[in-house]
């Protein structure tokens, strides 16, 4: 598996998931900056929050 470099999106995803009014997520940005890889890393992390309860 390739080495994963921390990105700004990592903290943004955590804030998004922990907010009470968690709306649908739309990622926009330049090409090849790690948008998709950041989402995959977040969803596969064992300590992510799965529900807002």
N, C-alpha and C. Protein backbone atom coordinates (compact mmCIF):
# COMPACT_ATOMS: atom_id res chain seq x y z
N UNK A 1 0.83 -1.18 0.00
CA UNK A 1 0.00 0.00 0.00
C UNK A 1 0.88 1.25 0.00
N UNK A 2 0.44 2.27 -0.71
CA UNK A 2 1.20 3.49 -0.80
C UNK A 2 1.15 4.27 0.51
N UNK A 3 2.17 5.06 0.75
CA UNK A 3 2.21 5.91 1.93
C UNK A 3 1.17 7.03 1.78
N UNK A 4 0.41 7.28 2.84
CA UNK A 4 -0.61 8.32 2.80
C UNK A 4 -0.07 9.58 3.48
N UNK A 5 -0.09 10.68 2.78
CA UNK A 5 0.34 11.96 3.32
C UNK A 5 -0.87 12.72 3.85
N UNK A 6 -0.73 13.27 5.04
CA UNK A 6 -1.83 14.04 5.63
C UNK A 6 -2.13 15.25 4.74
N UNK A 7 -3.42 15.55 4.60
CA UNK A 7 -3.86 16.67 3.79
C UNK A 7 -4.81 17.53 4.59
N UNK A 8 -5.06 18.74 4.12
CA UNK A 8 -5.99 19.65 4.78
C UNK A 8 -7.39 19.07 4.83
N UNK A 9 -7.73 18.27 3.82
CA UNK A 9 -9.08 17.71 3.76
C UNK A 9 -9.34 16.75 4.91
N UNK A 10 -8.32 16.17 5.51
CA UNK A 10 -8.51 15.24 6.61
C UNK A 10 -9.22 15.92 7.78
N UNK A 11 -8.77 17.08 8.16
CA UNK A 11 -9.40 17.81 9.26
C UNK A 11 -10.79 18.31 8.86
N UNK A 12 -10.94 18.71 7.63
CA UNK A 12 -12.24 19.19 7.15
C UNK A 12 -13.29 18.07 7.19
N UNK A 13 -12.88 16.86 6.83
CA UNK A 13 -13.81 15.72 6.87
C UNK A 13 -14.22 15.41 8.30
N UNK A 14 -13.28 15.50 9.23
CA UNK A 14 -13.61 15.25 10.64
C UNK A 14 -14.59 16.30 11.14
N UNK A 15 -14.38 17.56 10.81
CA UNK A 15 -15.29 18.62 11.23
C UNK A 15 -16.66 18.43 10.60
N UNK A 16 -16.68 18.06 9.33
CA UNK A 16 -17.95 17.84 8.63
C UNK A 16 -18.75 16.73 9.28
N UNK A 17 -18.08 15.64 9.60
CA UNK A 17 -18.78 14.48 10.17
C UNK A 17 -19.25 14.73 11.59
N UNK A 18 -18.54 15.56 12.33
CA UNK A 18 -18.91 15.78 13.73
C UNK A 18 -19.95 16.89 13.89
N UNK A 19 -20.26 17.62 12.83
CA UNK A 19 -21.24 18.69 12.95
C UNK A 19 -22.64 18.11 13.08
N UNK A 20 -23.51 18.83 13.77
CA UNK A 20 -24.87 18.36 13.98
C UNK A 20 -25.72 18.45 12.73
N UNK A 21 -25.44 19.42 11.87
CA UNK A 21 -26.20 19.57 10.62
C UNK A 21 -25.37 19.08 9.44
N UNK A 22 -24.99 17.82 9.51
CA UNK A 22 -24.14 17.19 8.51
C UNK A 22 -24.89 17.07 7.18
N UNK A 23 -24.58 17.94 6.25
CA UNK A 23 -25.25 17.96 4.95
C UNK A 23 -24.47 17.10 3.95
N UNK A 24 -25.04 16.80 2.79
CA UNK A 24 -24.31 16.02 1.78
C UNK A 24 -22.97 16.67 1.44
N UNK A 25 -22.00 15.87 1.19
CA UNK A 25 -20.65 16.34 0.95
C UNK A 25 -20.38 16.45 -0.54
N UNK A 26 -19.86 17.59 -0.95
CA UNK A 26 -19.46 17.81 -2.33
C UNK A 26 -18.04 18.31 -2.33
N UNK A 27 -17.13 17.53 -2.90
CA UNK A 27 -15.73 17.90 -2.94
C UNK A 27 -15.39 18.52 -4.28
N UNK A 28 -14.85 19.71 -4.23
CA UNK A 28 -14.44 20.39 -5.45
C UNK A 28 -13.01 20.87 -5.26
N UNK A 29 -12.29 20.92 -6.34
CA UNK A 29 -10.91 21.39 -6.26
C UNK A 29 -10.13 21.02 -7.50
N UNK A 30 -8.88 21.36 -7.45
CA UNK A 30 -7.99 21.10 -8.58
C UNK A 30 -7.80 19.60 -8.79
N UNK A 31 -7.31 19.26 -9.95
CA UNK A 31 -7.06 17.86 -10.27
C UNK A 31 -5.84 17.36 -9.53
N UNK A 32 -5.88 16.09 -9.17
CA UNK A 32 -4.75 15.36 -8.63
C UNK A 32 -4.18 15.97 -7.35
N UNK A 33 -5.06 16.36 -6.44
CA UNK A 33 -4.59 16.89 -5.16
C UNK A 33 -4.97 15.99 -3.98
N UNK A 34 -5.67 14.89 -4.24
CA UNK A 34 -5.97 13.91 -3.20
C UNK A 34 -7.38 13.97 -2.64
N UNK A 35 -8.32 14.52 -3.38
CA UNK A 35 -9.71 14.58 -2.89
C UNK A 35 -10.26 13.18 -2.69
N UNK A 36 -10.16 12.36 -3.66
CA UNK A 36 -10.70 11.01 -3.60
C UNK A 36 -9.93 10.15 -2.60
N UNK A 37 -8.63 10.26 -2.60
CA UNK A 37 -7.79 9.49 -1.69
C UNK A 37 -8.06 9.89 -0.24
N UNK A 38 -8.30 11.18 0.00
CA UNK A 38 -8.63 11.64 1.35
C UNK A 38 -9.93 11.06 1.85
N UNK A 39 -10.93 10.99 0.98
CA UNK A 39 -12.22 10.40 1.35
C UNK A 39 -12.08 8.91 1.62
N UNK A 40 -11.33 8.23 0.80
CA UNK A 40 -11.13 6.79 1.01
C UNK A 40 -10.39 6.53 2.31
N UNK A 41 -9.40 7.35 2.62
CA UNK A 41 -8.66 7.18 3.86
C UNK A 41 -9.55 7.45 5.06
N UNK A 42 -10.42 8.45 4.95
CA UNK A 42 -11.33 8.76 6.06
C UNK A 42 -12.33 7.63 6.29
N UNK A 43 -12.90 7.11 5.23
CA UNK A 43 -13.90 6.06 5.40
C UNK A 43 -13.30 4.75 5.88
N UNK A 44 -12.02 4.54 5.65
CA UNK A 44 -11.40 3.29 6.09
C UNK A 44 -10.74 3.43 7.47
N UNK A 45 -10.73 4.64 8.04
CA UNK A 45 -10.11 4.81 9.35
C UNK A 45 -10.99 4.17 10.42
N UNK A 46 -10.38 3.46 11.37
CA UNK A 46 -11.16 2.73 12.36
C UNK A 46 -11.84 3.64 13.39
N UNK A 47 -11.37 4.86 13.58
CA UNK A 47 -11.93 5.72 14.63
C UNK A 47 -12.84 6.82 14.09
N UNK A 48 -13.37 6.64 12.89
CA UNK A 48 -14.25 7.66 12.34
C UNK A 48 -15.63 7.55 12.94
N UNK A 49 -16.34 8.65 12.97
CA UNK A 49 -17.69 8.68 13.50
C UNK A 49 -18.65 8.32 12.37
N UNK A 50 -19.48 7.30 12.60
CA UNK A 50 -20.34 6.82 11.51
C UNK A 50 -21.74 7.42 11.55
N UNK A 51 -22.21 7.82 12.74
CA UNK A 51 -23.55 8.40 12.83
C UNK A 51 -23.50 9.64 13.72
N UNK A 52 -24.46 10.50 13.55
CA UNK A 52 -24.56 11.71 14.37
C UNK A 52 -25.63 11.53 15.43
N UNK A 53 -25.36 10.73 16.41
CA UNK A 53 -26.32 10.49 17.49
C UNK A 53 -25.77 10.98 18.79
